[in-house]
Amino acid sequence: MSIKLKRAYDPVSRSDGTRLLVERLWPRGVSKAQLQVDAWLKDAGPSTRLRQWFSHDPEKWPRFRARYFRELDSHPEAWRPIVSAARRGMVTLVYSSHDTQHNNAVALLDYVRARLRSPSASPDPVDTDRGRGDTA
């Protein structure tokens, strides 16, 4: 089982396998014909509130991951299609962020890989925001 990541603005390739858009918002300036996704998993993306709080700030990355994983834990129907597709072959999670290291697709990939290893497992994010009072 193999899952990889690809920006929505990168060229489509046959080796991508099943292409799944994992964003709540459609990528700007990209048509459906250009993106060529097999499914748009809106609910696999972070909630609007969490996405806006994170605002692609690398300093918030550990807290974002912890909060996002809690969202995914409470909505397994959002990520289960990824696991199902990965069991059938190559999957590419398509995302639109410019930051290739700190985005929801990177966190989602870690989360799903942990689920593939052990269905009851959840990734072990470091939740460094306990007691700080900032909310998502």
N, C-alpha and C. Protein backbone atom coordinates (compact mmCIF):
# COMPACT_ATOMS: atom_id res chain seq x y z
N MET A 1 0.84 -1.18 0.00
CA MET A 1 0.00 0.00 0.00
C MET A 1 0.88 1.23 0.00
N SER A 2 0.57 2.12 -0.90
CA SER A 2 1.42 3.29 -1.01
C SER A 2 0.56 4.55 -1.18
N ILE A 3 0.93 5.56 -0.41
CA ILE A 3 0.25 6.86 -0.48
C ILE A 3 1.32 7.93 -0.63
N LYS A 4 1.09 8.85 -1.54
CA LYS A 4 2.01 9.95 -1.71
C LYS A 4 1.24 11.26 -1.77
N LEU A 5 1.97 12.35 -1.74
CA LEU A 5 1.39 13.69 -1.77
C LEU A 5 1.77 14.40 -3.06
N LYS A 6 0.89 15.28 -3.50
CA LYS A 6 1.19 16.06 -4.69
C LYS A 6 0.40 17.37 -4.64
N ARG A 7 1.06 18.44 -4.98
CA ARG A 7 0.37 19.73 -5.05
C ARG A 7 -0.60 19.74 -6.22
N ALA A 8 -1.68 20.43 -6.06
CA ALA A 8 -2.71 20.53 -7.10
C ALA A 8 -2.16 21.19 -8.36
N TYR A 9 -1.09 21.93 -8.23
CA TYR A 9 -0.52 22.69 -9.35
C TYR A 9 0.56 21.91 -10.09
N ASP A 10 0.89 20.72 -9.60
CA ASP A 10 1.87 19.86 -10.26
C ASP A 10 1.19 19.02 -11.33
N PRO A 11 1.93 18.62 -12.36
CA PRO A 11 1.32 17.84 -13.44
C PRO A 11 0.80 16.48 -12.96
N VAL A 12 -0.29 16.06 -13.56
CA VAL A 12 -0.86 14.74 -13.30
C VAL A 12 0.03 13.70 -13.96
N SER A 13 0.17 12.55 -13.30
CA SER A 13 0.99 11.46 -13.83
C SER A 13 0.23 10.15 -13.71
N ARG A 14 0.48 9.22 -14.62
CA ARG A 14 -0.14 7.90 -14.53
C ARG A 14 0.23 7.20 -13.23
N SER A 15 1.42 7.47 -12.74
CA SER A 15 1.88 6.81 -11.52
C SER A 15 1.16 7.33 -10.27
N ASP A 16 0.32 8.35 -10.40
CA ASP A 16 -0.41 8.88 -9.26
C ASP A 16 -1.44 7.89 -8.71
N GLY A 17 -1.91 7.00 -9.53
CA GLY A 17 -2.95 6.07 -9.08
C GLY A 17 -4.24 6.82 -8.82
N THR A 18 -4.90 6.49 -7.73
CA THR A 18 -6.14 7.16 -7.35
C THR A 18 -5.79 8.52 -6.76
N ARG A 19 -6.34 9.56 -7.38
CA ARG A 19 -6.06 10.94 -6.94
C ARG A 19 -7.23 11.45 -6.10
N LEU A 20 -6.91 11.86 -4.86
CA LEU A 20 -7.94 12.33 -3.93
C LEU A 20 -7.60 13.74 -3.47
N LEU A 21 -8.49 14.68 -3.75
CA LEU A 21 -8.31 16.05 -3.27
C LEU A 21 -8.74 16.08 -1.81
N VAL A 22 -7.84 16.51 -0.92
CA VAL A 22 -8.09 16.49 0.52
C VAL A 22 -8.12 17.90 1.11
N GLU A 23 -8.86 18.77 0.46
CA GLU A 23 -9.01 20.17 0.87
C GLU A 23 -10.50 20.49 0.97
N ARG A 24 -10.86 21.39 1.86
CA ARG A 24 -12.26 21.84 1.94
C ARG A 24 -12.58 22.81 0.80
N LEU A 25 -11.56 23.52 0.34
CA LEU A 25 -11.76 24.50 -0.73
C LEU A 25 -11.09 24.02 -2.01
N TRP A 26 -11.73 24.28 -3.14
CA TRP A 26 -11.14 23.90 -4.43
C TRP A 26 -9.91 24.78 -4.67
N PRO A 27 -8.82 24.21 -5.17
CA PRO A 27 -7.60 24.99 -5.43
C PRO A 27 -7.85 26.13 -6.43
N ARG A 28 -7.37 27.29 -6.12
CA ARG A 28 -7.56 28.47 -6.98
C ARG A 28 -6.89 28.28 -8.33
N GLY A 29 -7.62 28.66 -9.35
CA GLY A 29 -7.06 28.70 -10.69
C GLY A 29 -6.86 27.34 -11.35
N VAL A 30 -7.43 26.29 -10.79
CA VAL A 30 -7.28 24.95 -11.36
C VAL A 30 -8.66 24.41 -11.72
N SER A 31 -8.83 24.03 -12.96
CA SER A 31 -10.12 23.48 -13.39
C SER A 31 -10.22 22.01 -13.02
N LYS A 32 -11.44 21.50 -13.05
CA LYS A 32 -11.65 20.07 -12.77
C LYS A 32 -10.90 19.22 -13.78
N ALA A 33 -10.89 19.67 -15.03
CA ALA A 33 -10.19 18.92 -16.08
C ALA A 33 -8.68 18.89 -15.82
N GLN A 34 -8.12 19.98 -15.33
CA GLN A 34 -6.69 20.03 -15.04
C GLN A 34 -6.33 19.17 -13.83
N LEU A 35 -7.17 19.19 -12.81
CA LEU A 35 -6.85 18.51 -11.56
C LEU A 35 -7.00 16.99 -11.67
N GLN A 36 -7.99 16.55 -12.40
CA GLN A 36 -8.20 15.12 -12.65
C GLN A 36 -8.17 14.29 -11.36
N VAL A 37 -9.05 14.63 -10.42
CA VAL A 37 -9.13 13.85 -9.20
C VAL A 37 -10.25 12.82 -9.32
N ASP A 38 -10.06 11.70 -8.63
CA ASP A 38 -11.07 10.65 -8.61
C ASP A 38 -12.17 10.97 -7.60
N ALA A 39 -11.82 11.72 -6.57
CA ALA A 39 -12.80 12.13 -5.56
C ALA A 39 -12.30 13.37 -4.84
N TRP A 40 -13.24 14.16 -4.37
CA TRP A 40 -12.94 15.34 -3.57
C TRP A 40 -13.42 15.03 -2.16
N LEU A 41 -12.49 14.77 -1.26
CA LEU A 41 -12.81 14.42 0.12
C LEU A 41 -12.76 15.68 0.99
N LYS A 42 -13.77 16.52 0.85
CA LYS A 42 -13.81 17.79 1.58
C LYS A 42 -13.68 17.59 3.08
N ASP A 43 -14.38 16.58 3.59
CA ASP A 43 -14.40 16.38 5.04
C ASP A 43 -13.09 15.82 5.58
N ALA A 44 -12.18 15.40 4.71
CA ALA A 44 -10.86 14.95 5.16
C ALA A 44 -9.96 16.14 5.47
N GLY A 45 -10.33 17.30 4.99
CA GLY A 45 -9.58 18.51 5.29
C GLY A 45 -9.95 19.03 6.66
N PRO A 46 -9.12 19.87 7.25
CA PRO A 46 -9.43 20.42 8.57
C PRO A 46 -10.66 21.33 8.50
N SER A 47 -11.34 21.46 9.62
CA SER A 47 -12.50 22.35 9.67
C SER A 47 -12.07 23.77 9.28
N THR A 48 -13.03 24.54 8.85
CA THR A 48 -12.74 25.93 8.47
C THR A 48 -12.13 26.68 9.65
N ARG A 49 -12.68 26.46 10.83
CA ARG A 49 -12.17 27.14 12.02
C ARG A 49 -10.71 26.79 12.29
N LEU A 50 -10.38 25.49 12.20
CA LEU A 50 -9.00 25.06 12.44
C LEU A 50 -8.07 25.58 11.35
N ARG A 51 -8.52 25.49 10.10
CA ARG A 51 -7.69 25.96 8.98
C ARG A 51 -7.38 27.45 9.11
N GLN A 52 -8.38 28.23 9.47
CA GLN A 52 -8.17 29.67 9.62
C GLN A 52 -7.27 29.98 10.82
N TRP A 53 -7.43 29.23 11.91
CA TRP A 53 -6.56 29.43 13.06
C TRP A 53 -5.10 29.12 12.71
N PHE A 54 -4.88 28.01 12.03
CA PHE A 54 -3.52 27.59 11.66
C PHE A 54 -2.86 28.60 10.74
N SER A 55 -3.58 29.00 9.71
CA SER A 55 -3.11 30.01 8.76
C SER A 55 -1.70 29.71 8.23
N HIS A 56 -1.37 28.43 8.10
CA HIS A 56 -0.08 27.97 7.57
C HIS A 56 1.11 28.55 8.32
N ASP A 57 0.95 28.70 9.63
CA ASP A 57 2.02 29.21 10.49
C ASP A 57 2.82 28.02 11.02
N PRO A 58 4.06 27.83 10.54
CA PRO A 58 4.86 26.68 10.99
C PRO A 58 5.03 26.59 12.51
N GLU A 59 4.97 27.72 13.21
CA GLU A 59 5.10 27.69 14.67
C GLU A 59 3.90 27.01 15.33
N LYS A 60 2.76 26.99 14.64
CA LYS A 60 1.55 26.35 15.17
C LYS A 60 1.44 24.89 14.74
N TRP A 61 2.41 24.40 13.97
CA TRP A 61 2.33 23.07 13.38
C TRP A 61 2.04 21.96 14.39
N PRO A 62 2.78 21.84 15.50
CA PRO A 62 2.47 20.75 16.44
C PRO A 62 1.05 20.83 17.00
N ARG A 63 0.60 22.04 17.32
CA ARG A 63 -0.76 22.20 17.85
C ARG A 63 -1.80 21.94 16.77
N PHE A 64 -1.50 22.38 15.54
CA PHE A 64 -2.42 22.10 14.42
C PHE A 64 -2.61 20.60 14.25
N ARG A 65 -1.49 19.85 14.21
CA ARG A 65 -1.55 18.40 14.03
C ARG A 65 -2.40 17.74 15.12
N ALA A 66 -2.18 18.12 16.36
CA ALA A 66 -2.93 17.53 17.48
C ALA A 66 -4.43 17.81 17.33
N ARG A 67 -4.76 19.02 17.00
CA ARG A 67 -6.17 19.39 16.85
C ARG A 67 -6.79 18.71 15.62
N TYR A 68 -6.05 18.67 14.56
CA TYR A 68 -6.54 18.03 13.33
C TYR A 68 -6.74 16.54 13.56
N PHE A 69 -5.82 15.89 14.25
CA PHE A 69 -5.96 14.46 14.53
C PHE A 69 -7.20 14.20 15.39
N ARG A 70 -7.50 15.10 16.32
CA ARG A 70 -8.73 14.94 17.11
C ARG A 70 -9.96 15.04 16.21
N GLU A 71 -9.92 15.97 15.24
CA GLU A 71 -11.04 16.07 14.29
C GLU A 71 -11.17 14.78 13.49
N LEU A 72 -10.05 14.25 13.02
CA LEU A 72 -10.09 13.01 12.24
C LEU A 72 -10.56 11.84 13.08
N ASP A 73 -10.15 11.79 14.35
CA ASP A 73 -10.60 10.73 15.25
C ASP A 73 -12.12 10.73 15.37
N SER A 74 -12.71 11.91 15.39
CA SER A 74 -14.15 12.01 15.59
C SER A 74 -14.95 11.89 14.29
N HIS A 75 -14.26 11.82 13.15
CA HIS A 75 -14.94 11.70 11.85
C HIS A 75 -14.24 10.66 10.97
N PRO A 76 -14.27 9.40 11.37
CA PRO A 76 -13.56 8.37 10.59
C PRO A 76 -14.09 8.21 9.17
N GLU A 77 -15.34 8.58 8.94
CA GLU A 77 -15.89 8.48 7.59
C GLU A 77 -15.17 9.42 6.61
N ALA A 78 -14.46 10.42 7.13
CA ALA A 78 -13.73 11.36 6.29
C ALA A 78 -12.46 10.76 5.72
N TRP A 79 -11.76 9.92 6.50
CA TRP A 79 -10.47 9.38 6.06
C TRP A 79 -10.52 7.92 5.65
N ARG A 80 -11.57 7.21 5.97
CA ARG A 80 -11.64 5.79 5.60
C ARG A 80 -11.57 5.54 4.09
N PRO A 81 -12.13 6.42 3.23
CA PRO A 81 -11.97 6.19 1.79
C PRO A 81 -10.50 6.17 1.34
N ILE A 82 -9.65 6.89 2.05
CA ILE A 82 -8.22 6.90 1.72
C ILE A 82 -7.62 5.54 2.03
N VAL A 83 -7.95 5.00 3.19
CA VAL A 83 -7.45 3.68 3.58
C VAL A 83 -7.94 2.62 2.60
N SER A 84 -9.21 2.68 2.25
CA SER A 84 -9.77 1.70 1.31
C SER A 84 -9.06 1.77 -0.04
N ALA A 85 -8.85 2.97 -0.54
CA ALA A 85 -8.17 3.13 -1.83
C ALA A 85 -6.73 2.66 -1.74
N ALA A 86 -6.06 2.93 -0.63
CA ALA A 86 -4.65 2.53 -0.46
C ALA A 86 -4.51 1.02 -0.43
N ARG A 87 -5.52 0.35 0.06
CA ARG A 87 -5.47 -1.12 0.09
C ARG A 87 -5.60 -1.71 -1.31
N ARG A 88 -6.12 -0.92 -2.25
CA ARG A 88 -6.28 -1.38 -3.64
C ARG A 88 -5.10 -0.98 -4.53
N GLY A 89 -4.29 -0.02 -4.09
CA GLY A 89 -3.17 0.43 -4.94
C GLY A 89 -2.69 1.81 -4.56
N MET A 90 -1.92 2.40 -5.46
CA MET A 90 -1.32 3.72 -5.24
C MET A 90 -2.40 4.78 -5.07
N VAL A 91 -2.18 5.67 -4.09
CA VAL A 91 -3.07 6.80 -3.84
C VAL A 91 -2.22 8.05 -3.77
N THR A 92 -2.71 9.10 -4.37
CA THR A 92 -2.07 10.41 -4.26
C THR A 92 -3.04 11.37 -3.61
N LEU A 93 -2.62 11.94 -2.48
CA LEU A 93 -3.41 12.97 -1.81
C LEU A 93 -3.02 14.31 -2.41
N VAL A 94 -3.98 14.98 -2.98
CA VAL A 94 -3.75 16.24 -3.68
C VAL A 94 -4.13 17.40 -2.75
N TYR A 95 -3.23 18.37 -2.65
CA TYR A 95 -3.44 19.53 -1.78
C TYR A 95 -3.00 20.79 -2.50
N SER A 96 -3.36 21.96 -1.96
CA SER A 96 -3.06 23.21 -2.66
C SER A 96 -2.05 24.11 -1.96
N SER A 97 -1.67 23.80 -0.75
CA SER A 97 -0.77 24.66 0.01
C SER A 97 0.57 24.86 -0.69
N HIS A 98 1.13 26.05 -0.52
CA HIS A 98 2.48 26.32 -1.05
C HIS A 98 3.55 25.69 -0.16
N ASP A 99 3.27 25.60 1.13
CA ASP A 99 4.20 25.00 2.08
C ASP A 99 4.07 23.48 1.99
N THR A 100 5.10 22.84 1.51
CA THR A 100 5.05 21.40 1.29
C THR A 100 5.36 20.58 2.54
N GLN A 101 5.72 21.23 3.64
CA GLN A 101 6.05 20.51 4.87
C GLN A 101 5.03 20.71 5.98
N HIS A 102 4.31 21.82 5.95
CA HIS A 102 3.36 22.15 7.02
C HIS A 102 1.99 22.40 6.41
N ASN A 103 1.30 21.33 6.07
CA ASN A 103 -0.04 21.46 5.51
C ASN A 103 -0.88 20.26 5.92
N ASN A 104 -2.18 20.37 5.72
CA ASN A 104 -3.09 19.32 6.17
C ASN A 104 -2.83 17.98 5.49
N ALA A 105 -2.37 17.97 4.25
CA ALA A 105 -2.12 16.70 3.56
C ALA A 105 -0.95 15.95 4.20
N VAL A 106 0.07 16.67 4.63
CA VAL A 106 1.21 16.04 5.31
C VAL A 106 0.72 15.40 6.62
N ALA A 107 -0.06 16.15 7.38
CA ALA A 107 -0.58 15.62 8.64
C ALA A 107 -1.53 14.45 8.38
N LEU A 108 -2.38 14.58 7.38
CA LEU A 108 -3.32 13.52 7.04
C LEU A 108 -2.60 12.25 6.62
N LEU A 109 -1.53 12.38 5.87
CA LEU A 109 -0.74 11.22 5.46
C LEU A 109 -0.18 10.50 6.70
N ASP A 110 0.37 11.25 7.64
CA ASP A 110 0.87 10.64 8.88
C ASP A 110 -0.25 9.91 9.62
N TYR A 111 -1.39 10.55 9.69
CA TYR A 111 -2.54 9.97 10.39
C TYR A 111 -2.98 8.66 9.72
N VAL A 112 -3.14 8.69 8.42
CA VAL A 112 -3.61 7.51 7.68
C VAL A 112 -2.58 6.39 7.73
N ARG A 113 -1.31 6.72 7.61
CA ARG A 113 -0.28 5.67 7.70
C ARG A 113 -0.32 4.98 9.07
N ALA A 114 -0.54 5.73 10.11
CA ALA A 114 -0.66 5.13 11.45
C ALA A 114 -1.88 4.20 11.49
N ARG A 115 -2.95 4.59 10.86
CA ARG A 115 -4.16 3.77 10.81
C ARG A 115 -3.94 2.50 9.99
N LEU A 116 -3.16 2.59 8.95
CA LEU A 116 -2.87 1.42 8.12
C LEU A 116 -2.02 0.41 8.88
N ARG A 117 -1.11 0.91 9.72
CA ARG A 117 -0.26 0.02 10.52
C ARG A 117 -1.08 -0.70 11.57
N SER A 118 -1.97 0.04 12.19
CA SER A 118 -2.80 -0.53 13.26
C SER A 118 -4.12 0.23 13.30
N PRO A 119 -5.23 -0.42 12.97
CA PRO A 119 -6.51 0.27 12.91
C PRO A 119 -6.90 1.01 14.19
N SER A 120 -6.41 0.57 15.33
CA SER A 120 -6.76 1.26 16.57
C SER A 120 -5.74 2.34 16.94
N ALA A 121 -4.67 2.41 16.18
CA ALA A 121 -3.61 3.38 16.49
C ALA A 121 -3.99 4.77 16.01
N SER A 122 -3.49 5.73 16.69
CA SER A 122 -3.60 7.11 16.28
C SER A 122 -2.19 7.69 16.36
N PRO A 123 -1.83 8.57 15.45
CA PRO A 123 -0.49 9.17 15.54
C PRO A 123 -0.32 9.85 16.89
N ASP A 124 0.89 10.03 17.28
CA ASP A 124 1.18 10.61 18.58
C ASP A 124 1.64 12.04 18.41
N PRO A 125 0.69 12.96 18.18
CA PRO A 125 1.11 14.36 18.04
C PRO A 125 1.45 14.93 19.41
N VAL A 126 2.31 15.89 19.42
CA VAL A 126 2.65 16.56 20.65
C VAL A 126 1.73 17.76 20.75
N ASP A 127 0.83 17.73 21.72
CA ASP A 127 -0.11 18.82 21.89
C ASP A 127 0.48 19.82 22.88
N THR A 128 1.10 20.85 22.33
CA THR A 128 1.80 21.81 23.17
C THR A 128 0.94 22.99 23.58
N ASP A 129 -0.37 22.94 23.25
CA ASP A 129 -1.18 24.12 23.55
C ASP A 129 -2.01 23.97 24.82
N ARG A 130 -1.84 22.92 25.55
CA ARG A 130 -2.65 22.73 26.77
C ARG A 130 -2.40 23.90 27.74
N GLY A 131 -3.50 24.54 28.08
CA GLY A 131 -3.43 25.61 29.06
C GLY A 131 -3.07 26.96 28.49
N ARG A 132 -2.92 27.07 27.19
CA ARG A 132 -2.53 28.37 26.63
C ARG A 132 -3.71 29.27 26.36
N GLY A 133 -4.90 28.68 26.19
CA GLY A 133 -6.08 29.51 26.00
C GLY A 133 -6.38 29.89 24.56
N ASP A 134 -5.48 29.58 23.60
CA ASP A 134 -5.82 29.88 22.21
C ASP A 134 -6.70 28.74 21.71
N THR A 135 -7.69 29.10 20.92
CA THR A 135 -8.65 28.09 20.46
C THR A 135 -8.67 28.01 18.96
N ALA A 136 -9.10 26.83 18.52
CA ALA A 136 -9.28 26.63 17.08
C ALA A 136 -10.73 26.38 16.81
